[in-house]
N, C-alpha and C. Protein backbone atom coordinates (compact mmCIF):
# COMPACT_ATOMS: atom_id res chain seq x y z
N MET A 1 4.56 29.83 24.64
CA MET A 1 3.36 30.21 25.08
C MET A 1 2.21 29.08 25.09
N ILE A 2 2.15 28.61 24.10
CA ILE A 2 0.92 27.54 23.79
C ILE A 2 1.15 26.34 24.71
N ASN A 3 2.66 25.93 24.75
CA ASN A 3 2.98 24.74 25.39
C ASN A 3 2.67 25.08 26.95
N ALA A 4 2.79 26.40 27.41
CA ALA A 4 2.62 26.50 28.82
C ALA A 4 1.20 26.50 29.03
N ALA A 5 0.30 27.09 28.14
CA ALA A 5 -0.95 26.97 28.27
C ALA A 5 -1.68 25.60 28.45
N GLU A 6 -0.90 24.68 27.56
CA GLU A 6 -1.36 23.17 27.45
C GLU A 6 -1.14 22.66 28.75
N GLN A 7 0.13 22.88 29.25
CA GLN A 7 0.66 22.26 30.48
C GLN A 7 -0.36 22.85 31.71
N ALA A 8 -0.76 24.07 31.72
CA ALA A 8 -1.65 24.48 32.64
C ALA A 8 -2.95 23.82 32.67
N MET A 9 -3.42 23.53 31.43
CA MET A 9 -4.80 22.78 31.25
C MET A 9 -4.64 21.29 31.83
N TYR A 10 -3.59 20.77 31.52
CA TYR A 10 -3.24 19.49 31.91
C TYR A 10 -3.02 19.51 33.43
N ALA A 11 -2.44 20.31 34.07
CA ALA A 11 -2.15 20.49 35.63
C ALA A 11 -3.64 20.63 36.25
N SER A 12 -4.54 21.37 35.70
CA SER A 12 -5.86 21.47 36.22
C SER A 12 -6.69 20.28 36.38
N CYS A 13 -6.17 19.23 35.51
CA CYS A 13 -6.95 18.02 35.46
C CYS A 13 -6.94 17.17 36.68
N GLU A 14 -7.86 16.46 37.19
CA GLU A 14 -7.92 15.77 38.45
C GLU A 14 -7.38 14.20 38.06
N ASP A 15 -7.83 13.79 36.89
CA ASP A 15 -7.33 12.30 36.76
C ASP A 15 -6.85 12.09 35.31
N ASP A 16 -6.61 11.05 35.05
CA ASP A 16 -6.04 10.61 33.56
C ASP A 16 -7.33 10.75 32.61
N THR A 17 -8.45 10.28 32.85
CA THR A 17 -9.48 10.58 31.89
C THR A 17 -9.69 12.01 31.33
N GLU A 18 -9.72 12.71 32.31
CA GLU A 18 -9.93 14.15 32.09
C GLU A 18 -8.92 14.76 31.32
N ARG A 19 -7.54 14.23 31.55
CA ARG A 19 -6.27 14.83 30.61
C ARG A 19 -6.46 14.14 29.21
N ARG A 20 -7.09 13.03 29.14
CA ARG A 20 -7.21 12.28 27.72
C ARG A 20 -8.33 13.12 27.06
N ARG A 21 -9.44 13.55 27.86
CA ARG A 21 -10.45 14.45 27.11
C ARG A 21 -9.94 15.88 26.73
N VAL A 22 -9.26 16.51 27.68
CA VAL A 22 -8.59 17.74 27.28
C VAL A 22 -7.52 17.54 26.09
N GLN A 23 -6.70 16.31 26.00
CA GLN A 23 -5.96 16.40 24.80
C GLN A 23 -6.77 16.14 23.62
N ALA A 24 -7.84 15.30 23.82
CA ALA A 24 -8.73 15.10 22.51
C ALA A 24 -9.09 16.51 21.96
N LYS A 25 -9.72 17.28 23.06
CA LYS A 25 -10.21 18.57 22.44
C LYS A 25 -9.23 19.51 21.96
N LEU A 26 -7.84 19.55 22.37
CA LEU A 26 -6.83 20.10 21.85
C LEU A 26 -6.30 19.78 20.56
N TYR A 27 -6.20 18.69 20.23
CA TYR A 27 -5.99 18.11 19.06
C TYR A 27 -6.78 17.61 17.98
N ALA A 28 -8.14 17.79 18.36
CA ALA A 28 -9.07 17.62 17.28
C ALA A 28 -9.17 18.50 16.16
N PRO A 29 -9.46 18.00 14.87
CA PRO A 29 -9.39 18.89 13.92
C PRO A 29 -10.49 20.07 14.06
N PRO A 30 -10.45 21.22 13.48
CA PRO A 30 -11.60 22.48 13.61
C PRO A 30 -12.76 21.63 13.12
N LYS A 31 -13.98 22.16 13.59
CA LYS A 31 -15.29 21.71 13.50
C LYS A 31 -15.67 21.95 11.86
N THR A 32 -14.87 23.10 11.22
CA THR A 32 -15.20 23.52 9.79
C THR A 32 -14.74 22.34 8.82
N VAL A 33 -13.55 21.51 9.40
CA VAL A 33 -13.03 20.56 8.60
C VAL A 33 -13.51 19.19 8.88
N ARG A 34 -14.15 19.05 9.87
CA ARG A 34 -14.71 17.67 10.09
C ARG A 34 -15.89 17.25 9.19
N ARG A 35 -15.91 16.02 8.91
CA ARG A 35 -16.97 15.43 8.18
C ARG A 35 -18.30 15.29 9.18
N PRO A 36 -19.44 15.53 8.56
CA PRO A 36 -20.53 15.34 9.45
C PRO A 36 -20.80 13.94 9.72
N ARG A 37 -21.30 13.75 11.00
CA ARG A 37 -21.59 12.39 11.43
C ARG A 37 -22.79 11.63 10.71
N ARG A 38 -22.81 10.43 10.19
CA ARG A 38 -23.95 9.83 9.74
C ARG A 38 -24.93 9.45 10.74
N ALA A 39 -26.12 9.71 10.41
CA ALA A 39 -27.20 9.35 11.37
C ALA A 39 -27.56 7.91 11.02
N GLY A 40 -28.00 7.09 11.85
CA GLY A 40 -28.38 5.66 11.83
C GLY A 40 -29.54 5.42 10.96
N GLY A 41 -30.32 6.46 10.31
CA GLY A 41 -31.21 6.46 9.55
C GLY A 41 -30.93 6.14 7.98
N PRO A 42 -31.81 6.52 7.16
CA PRO A 42 -31.77 6.21 5.94
C PRO A 42 -30.35 6.94 5.24
N GLN A 43 -29.52 6.15 4.39
CA GLN A 43 -28.41 6.58 3.79
C GLN A 43 -28.77 7.37 2.52
N GLN A 44 -28.01 8.30 2.03
CA GLN A 44 -28.00 8.71 0.65
C GLN A 44 -27.33 7.76 -0.41
N PRO A 45 -27.86 7.69 -1.64
CA PRO A 45 -27.37 6.65 -2.46
C PRO A 45 -25.89 7.20 -2.83
N GLN A 46 -25.31 6.07 -3.11
CA GLN A 46 -23.93 6.48 -3.36
C GLN A 46 -23.73 7.06 -4.83
N ARG A 47 -22.85 8.06 -4.80
CA ARG A 47 -22.49 8.72 -6.23
C ARG A 47 -21.78 7.87 -6.96
N PRO A 48 -21.96 7.83 -8.38
CA PRO A 48 -21.04 6.95 -9.10
C PRO A 48 -19.56 7.47 -8.96
N GLN A 49 -18.51 6.66 -9.41
CA GLN A 49 -17.25 7.14 -9.21
C GLN A 49 -17.13 7.98 -10.38
N ARG A 50 -15.88 8.71 -10.29
CA ARG A 50 -15.51 9.66 -11.30
C ARG A 50 -15.19 9.02 -12.69
N GLY A 51 -15.98 9.54 -13.81
CA GLY A 51 -15.71 8.79 -14.95
C GLY A 51 -16.58 7.75 -15.25
N ALA A 52 -17.36 7.15 -14.23
CA ALA A 52 -18.16 6.26 -14.36
C ALA A 52 -19.51 6.57 -14.95
N MET A 53 -20.24 5.74 -15.70
CA MET A 53 -21.37 6.27 -16.37
C MET A 53 -22.51 5.79 -15.88
N THR A 54 -23.48 6.60 -15.47
CA THR A 54 -24.72 6.03 -14.90
C THR A 54 -25.76 5.27 -15.93
N MET A 55 -26.71 4.70 -15.37
CA MET A 55 -27.63 4.10 -16.62
C MET A 55 -28.28 5.10 -17.35
N LYS A 56 -28.72 6.30 -16.77
CA LYS A 56 -29.42 7.40 -17.57
C LYS A 56 -28.37 7.90 -18.65
N ASP A 57 -27.11 8.02 -18.19
CA ASP A 57 -26.02 8.65 -19.18
C ASP A 57 -25.83 7.65 -20.46
N ALA A 58 -25.89 6.24 -20.11
CA ALA A 58 -25.64 5.23 -21.08
C ALA A 58 -26.85 5.21 -22.05
N GLN A 59 -28.10 5.39 -21.48
CA GLN A 59 -29.25 5.24 -22.16
C GLN A 59 -29.28 6.57 -23.23
N ALA A 60 -29.03 7.61 -22.68
CA ALA A 60 -28.80 8.90 -23.40
C ALA A 60 -27.95 8.77 -24.62
N LEU A 61 -26.54 8.26 -24.19
CA LEU A 61 -25.64 7.89 -25.28
C LEU A 61 -25.93 7.01 -26.38
N MET A 62 -26.84 6.05 -25.84
CA MET A 62 -27.24 5.19 -26.99
C MET A 62 -28.22 5.67 -27.74
N ALA A 63 -29.06 6.47 -27.36
CA ALA A 63 -30.12 7.31 -28.28
C ALA A 63 -29.44 8.11 -29.28
N GLN A 64 -28.40 8.81 -28.53
CA GLN A 64 -27.55 9.64 -29.50
C GLN A 64 -27.08 8.89 -30.75
N LEU A 65 -26.37 7.74 -30.43
CA LEU A 65 -25.84 7.09 -31.37
C LEU A 65 -26.93 6.55 -32.47
N ALA A 66 -27.91 6.21 -31.94
CA ALA A 66 -28.80 5.67 -32.87
C ALA A 66 -29.52 6.73 -33.88
N ALA A 67 -29.60 7.95 -33.09
CA ALA A 67 -29.87 9.15 -34.08
C ALA A 67 -28.82 9.44 -35.21
N GLN A 68 -27.66 9.32 -34.88
CA GLN A 68 -26.54 9.45 -35.73
C GLN A 68 -26.58 8.50 -36.76
N ASP A 69 -26.79 7.28 -36.67
CA ASP A 69 -26.97 6.26 -37.40
C ASP A 69 -28.03 6.52 -38.51
N ALA A 70 -29.20 6.73 -37.76
CA ALA A 70 -30.51 7.01 -38.57
C ALA A 70 -30.03 8.26 -39.56
N GLN A 71 -29.29 9.03 -39.20
CA GLN A 71 -28.93 10.20 -40.03
C GLN A 71 -28.12 9.79 -41.20
N LEU A 72 -27.27 8.91 -40.94
CA LEU A 72 -26.22 8.42 -41.95
C LEU A 72 -26.95 7.30 -42.73
N GLY A 73 -27.93 6.92 -42.47
CA GLY A 73 -28.66 5.89 -43.26
C GLY A 73 -28.43 4.48 -42.99
N MET A 74 -27.88 4.18 -41.82
CA MET A 74 -27.34 2.89 -41.51
C MET A 74 -28.47 2.24 -40.61
N GLY A 75 -29.47 2.85 -40.28
CA GLY A 75 -30.34 2.32 -39.25
C GLY A 75 -31.68 2.30 -39.90
């Protein structure tokens, strides 16, 4: 039945460009699955890769290590 409906939609088209538009609409992914389009304006900063450490994380780790060294009497 779906194929018959698709053929009826194609048959109602007047030219090839309209057939291509119908086909694009039929086979486009659902709107809930599509990624939002990016605007030409300012872009969001890129997220660091998974497992990558940001500068803030590295500084916090260095401070933690310095505190542990001070506790152990090495610093």
